[in-house]
Structure formats: C-alpha cells, structure tokens
N, C-alpha and C. Protein backbone atom coordinates (compact mmCIF):
# COMPACT_ATOMS: atom_id res chain seq x y z
N UNK A 1 98.23 -11.58 81.85
CA UNK A 1 98.86 -12.64 82.63
C UNK A 1 99.50 -13.66 81.71
N UNK A 2 100.68 -14.09 82.04
CA UNK A 2 101.35 -15.15 81.31
C UNK A 2 101.14 -16.44 82.09
N UNK A 3 100.24 -17.30 81.60
CA UNK A 3 99.88 -18.52 82.32
C UNK A 3 101.08 -19.41 82.58
N UNK A 4 102.09 -19.35 81.73
CA UNK A 4 103.27 -20.18 81.93
C UNK A 4 104.09 -19.71 83.14
N UNK A 5 103.86 -18.51 83.60
CA UNK A 5 104.64 -17.95 84.69
C UNK A 5 103.92 -17.99 86.03
N UNK A 6 102.67 -18.38 86.05
CA UNK A 6 101.92 -18.39 87.30
C UNK A 6 102.18 -19.67 88.08
N UNK A 7 102.41 -19.53 89.37
CA UNK A 7 102.59 -20.68 90.24
C UNK A 7 101.64 -20.54 91.42
N UNK A 8 101.06 -21.65 91.81
CA UNK A 8 100.15 -21.65 92.96
C UNK A 8 100.12 -23.05 93.53
N UNK A 9 99.99 -23.17 94.82
CA UNK A 9 99.90 -24.47 95.46
C UNK A 9 98.59 -24.56 96.21
N UNK A 10 97.84 -25.62 95.95
CA UNK A 10 96.59 -25.88 96.66
C UNK A 10 96.75 -27.17 97.44
N UNK A 11 96.11 -27.22 98.58
CA UNK A 11 96.14 -28.45 99.38
C UNK A 11 94.75 -29.05 99.41
N UNK A 12 94.70 -30.31 99.06
CA UNK A 12 93.44 -31.05 99.07
C UNK A 12 93.68 -32.36 99.78
N UNK A 13 92.82 -32.70 100.71
CA UNK A 13 92.94 -33.95 101.44
C UNK A 13 92.13 -35.03 100.73
N UNK A 14 92.75 -36.18 100.51
CA UNK A 14 92.06 -37.29 99.86
C UNK A 14 90.98 -37.81 100.81
N UNK A 15 89.75 -37.78 100.34
CA UNK A 15 88.63 -38.27 101.15
C UNK A 15 88.40 -39.76 100.88
N UNK A 16 87.88 -40.45 101.85
CA UNK A 16 87.65 -41.90 101.74
C UNK A 16 86.80 -42.23 100.52
N UNK A 17 85.80 -41.42 100.23
CA UNK A 17 84.89 -41.68 99.11
C UNK A 17 85.60 -41.58 97.75
N UNK A 18 86.80 -40.99 97.72
CA UNK A 18 87.55 -40.82 96.47
C UNK A 18 88.54 -41.96 96.22
N UNK A 19 88.48 -42.99 97.06
CA UNK A 19 89.45 -44.07 96.97
C UNK A 19 88.80 -45.41 96.68
N UNK A 20 89.66 -46.36 96.31
CA UNK A 20 89.19 -47.73 96.13
C UNK A 20 89.37 -48.49 97.45
N UNK A 21 89.17 -49.78 97.43
CA UNK A 21 89.24 -50.57 98.66
C UNK A 21 90.65 -50.64 99.25
N UNK A 22 91.65 -50.27 98.47
CA UNK A 22 93.03 -50.27 98.97
C UNK A 22 93.46 -48.89 99.46
N UNK A 23 92.52 -47.93 99.44
CA UNK A 23 92.82 -46.58 99.90
C UNK A 23 93.55 -45.72 98.88
N UNK A 24 93.58 -46.17 97.61
CA UNK A 24 94.24 -45.42 96.54
C UNK A 24 93.20 -44.53 95.86
N UNK A 25 93.54 -43.27 95.65
CA UNK A 25 92.61 -42.33 95.03
C UNK A 25 92.26 -42.79 93.61
N UNK A 26 90.98 -42.77 93.30
CA UNK A 26 90.47 -43.10 91.97
C UNK A 26 90.97 -42.05 90.99
N UNK A 27 91.42 -42.48 89.80
CA UNK A 27 92.02 -41.54 88.84
C UNK A 27 91.07 -40.41 88.44
N UNK A 28 89.77 -40.66 88.44
CA UNK A 28 88.80 -39.62 88.09
C UNK A 28 88.68 -38.52 89.14
N UNK A 29 89.22 -38.76 90.33
CA UNK A 29 89.17 -37.75 91.39
C UNK A 29 90.10 -36.58 91.12
N UNK A 30 91.09 -36.79 90.28
CA UNK A 30 92.09 -35.75 90.05
C UNK A 30 91.52 -34.54 89.30
N UNK A 31 90.58 -34.75 88.41
CA UNK A 31 90.04 -33.62 87.65
C UNK A 31 89.34 -32.59 88.52
N UNK A 32 88.46 -32.98 89.43
CA UNK A 32 87.89 -31.97 90.34
C UNK A 32 88.97 -31.29 91.19
N UNK A 33 90.00 -32.02 91.57
CA UNK A 33 91.08 -31.41 92.35
C UNK A 33 91.80 -30.36 91.52
N UNK A 34 92.00 -30.63 90.24
CA UNK A 34 92.64 -29.65 89.36
C UNK A 34 91.78 -28.40 89.21
N UNK A 35 90.47 -28.60 89.19
CA UNK A 35 89.56 -27.46 89.08
C UNK A 35 89.64 -26.59 90.34
N UNK A 36 89.75 -27.22 91.51
CA UNK A 36 89.92 -26.46 92.75
C UNK A 36 91.19 -25.62 92.66
N UNK A 37 92.27 -26.22 92.18
CA UNK A 37 93.54 -25.49 92.06
C UNK A 37 93.43 -24.34 91.07
N UNK A 38 92.75 -24.56 89.95
CA UNK A 38 92.60 -23.49 88.96
C UNK A 38 91.81 -22.32 89.54
N UNK A 39 90.72 -22.62 90.24
CA UNK A 39 89.89 -21.59 90.84
C UNK A 39 90.67 -20.81 91.89
N UNK A 40 91.44 -21.52 92.73
CA UNK A 40 92.24 -20.85 93.75
C UNK A 40 93.35 -20.01 93.13
N UNK A 41 93.94 -20.47 92.05
CA UNK A 41 94.97 -19.70 91.35
C UNK A 41 94.40 -18.39 90.83
N UNK A 42 93.26 -18.46 90.18
CA UNK A 42 92.63 -17.25 89.67
C UNK A 42 92.30 -16.27 90.79
N UNK A 43 91.76 -16.78 91.89
CA UNK A 43 91.43 -15.92 93.02
C UNK A 43 92.69 -15.28 93.60
N UNK A 44 93.77 -16.05 93.70
CA UNK A 44 95.03 -15.51 94.23
C UNK A 44 95.59 -14.40 93.35
N UNK A 45 95.28 -14.46 92.06
CA UNK A 45 95.73 -13.44 91.12
C UNK A 45 94.74 -12.28 91.00
N UNK A 46 93.67 -12.31 91.83
CA UNK A 46 92.69 -11.23 91.82
C UNK A 46 91.70 -11.32 90.68
N UNK A 47 91.52 -12.53 90.15
CA UNK A 47 90.59 -12.74 89.03
C UNK A 47 89.61 -13.86 89.35
N UNK A 48 88.69 -13.62 90.25
CA UNK A 48 87.72 -14.67 90.57
C UNK A 48 87.00 -15.15 89.30
N UNK A 49 86.83 -16.45 89.19
CA UNK A 49 86.25 -17.02 87.98
C UNK A 49 84.87 -16.43 87.68
N UNK A 50 84.07 -16.24 88.71
CA UNK A 50 82.73 -15.67 88.52
C UNK A 50 82.81 -14.28 87.88
N UNK A 51 83.80 -13.50 88.31
CA UNK A 51 83.97 -12.16 87.76
C UNK A 51 84.41 -12.23 86.29
N UNK A 52 85.28 -13.16 85.97
CA UNK A 52 85.70 -13.33 84.58
C UNK A 52 84.50 -13.68 83.68
N UNK A 53 83.66 -14.60 84.15
CA UNK A 53 82.47 -14.97 83.39
C UNK A 53 81.53 -13.78 83.22
N UNK A 54 81.37 -12.98 84.27
CA UNK A 54 80.50 -11.82 84.20
C UNK A 54 81.00 -10.82 83.16
N UNK A 55 82.29 -10.82 82.93
CA UNK A 55 82.88 -9.93 81.92
C UNK A 55 82.91 -10.57 80.53
N UNK A 56 82.38 -11.80 80.44
CA UNK A 56 82.31 -12.46 79.14
C UNK A 56 83.48 -13.37 78.80
N UNK A 57 84.33 -13.63 79.78
CA UNK A 57 85.48 -14.51 79.57
C UNK A 57 85.18 -15.89 80.15
N UNK A 58 85.36 -16.91 79.34
CA UNK A 58 85.13 -18.28 79.77
C UNK A 58 86.40 -19.09 79.53
N UNK A 59 86.68 -20.01 80.39
CA UNK A 59 87.91 -20.79 80.31
C UNK A 59 87.58 -22.28 80.22
N UNK A 60 87.05 -22.74 79.09
CA UNK A 60 86.70 -24.15 78.99
C UNK A 60 87.96 -25.02 78.96
N UNK A 61 87.87 -26.16 79.59
CA UNK A 61 88.95 -27.14 79.52
C UNK A 61 88.69 -27.97 78.28
N UNK A 62 89.63 -27.93 77.34
CA UNK A 62 89.42 -28.66 76.08
C UNK A 62 90.31 -29.89 75.97
N UNK A 63 91.28 -29.99 76.85
CA UNK A 63 92.14 -31.17 76.84
C UNK A 63 92.83 -31.29 78.19
N UNK A 64 92.97 -32.53 78.66
CA UNK A 64 93.66 -32.79 79.92
C UNK A 64 94.60 -33.97 79.70
N UNK A 65 95.79 -33.82 80.20
CA UNK A 65 96.77 -34.90 80.16
C UNK A 65 97.44 -34.96 81.52
N UNK A 66 97.46 -36.13 82.12
CA UNK A 66 98.06 -36.29 83.44
C UNK A 66 99.11 -37.38 83.41
N UNK A 67 100.15 -37.19 84.18
CA UNK A 67 101.15 -38.23 84.39
C UNK A 67 101.20 -38.45 85.90
N UNK A 68 100.82 -39.63 86.32
CA UNK A 68 100.77 -39.95 87.74
C UNK A 68 102.14 -40.40 88.21
N UNK A 69 102.73 -39.68 89.13
CA UNK A 69 104.07 -40.00 89.63
C UNK A 69 104.04 -41.01 90.77
N UNK A 70 103.01 -40.92 91.57
CA UNK A 70 102.79 -41.89 92.66
C UNK A 70 101.33 -41.78 93.06
N UNK A 71 100.80 -42.82 93.66
CA UNK A 71 99.39 -42.77 94.03
C UNK A 71 99.12 -41.82 95.19
N UNK A 72 97.97 -41.19 95.12
CA UNK A 72 97.47 -40.42 96.27
C UNK A 72 96.69 -41.40 97.12
N UNK A 73 96.96 -41.42 98.40
CA UNK A 73 96.35 -42.39 99.31
C UNK A 73 95.49 -41.70 100.35
N UNK A 74 94.48 -42.39 100.82
CA UNK A 74 93.67 -41.90 101.93
C UNK A 74 94.51 -42.00 103.19
N UNK A 75 94.63 -41.00 104.01
CA UNK A 75 94.07 -39.66 103.98
C UNK A 75 95.10 -38.59 103.61
N UNK A 76 95.92 -38.83 102.60
CA UNK A 76 96.92 -37.83 102.15
C UNK A 76 96.29 -36.48 101.96
C-alpha cells in the first residue's frame, strides 16, 4: 500500500464533553478523532489493525502536526 495514495473520510460528531464553555472543541480531542479515522481507513483497505498486530506489524504514532483551519463546534 502507498500511504500517500490512500483516501478515506470518517465522520465524527463533536460531543459536548469535548468542548469548552463556548462550544469549541478542545484541541486535545483531535488526536482520538485521528485515531478513529486511521482505524477506519485500515479496515476499509481490508487491513484491520488487530490483524496487523497479530501478524507482528505495529504502527506507532511518533509525530503529529496539525493545522487548524477553523474550529470544530458542538454539535458539528
């Protein structure tokens, strides 16, 4: 698989608990959302993460960089 060529779209609804008092998603909420997208991408490609681990392949996240284009708001 060429990771640069894979595209996948996941939908996640911003929950109230992930926001501040103004209804803006807390920046730390994005990392679990990215993990959901990664897991769904692998499953869509027929490579469930659990199966990869069982075969001895692990995909540790060693660096994350985000650029926020606009705030995610409750209940986006």
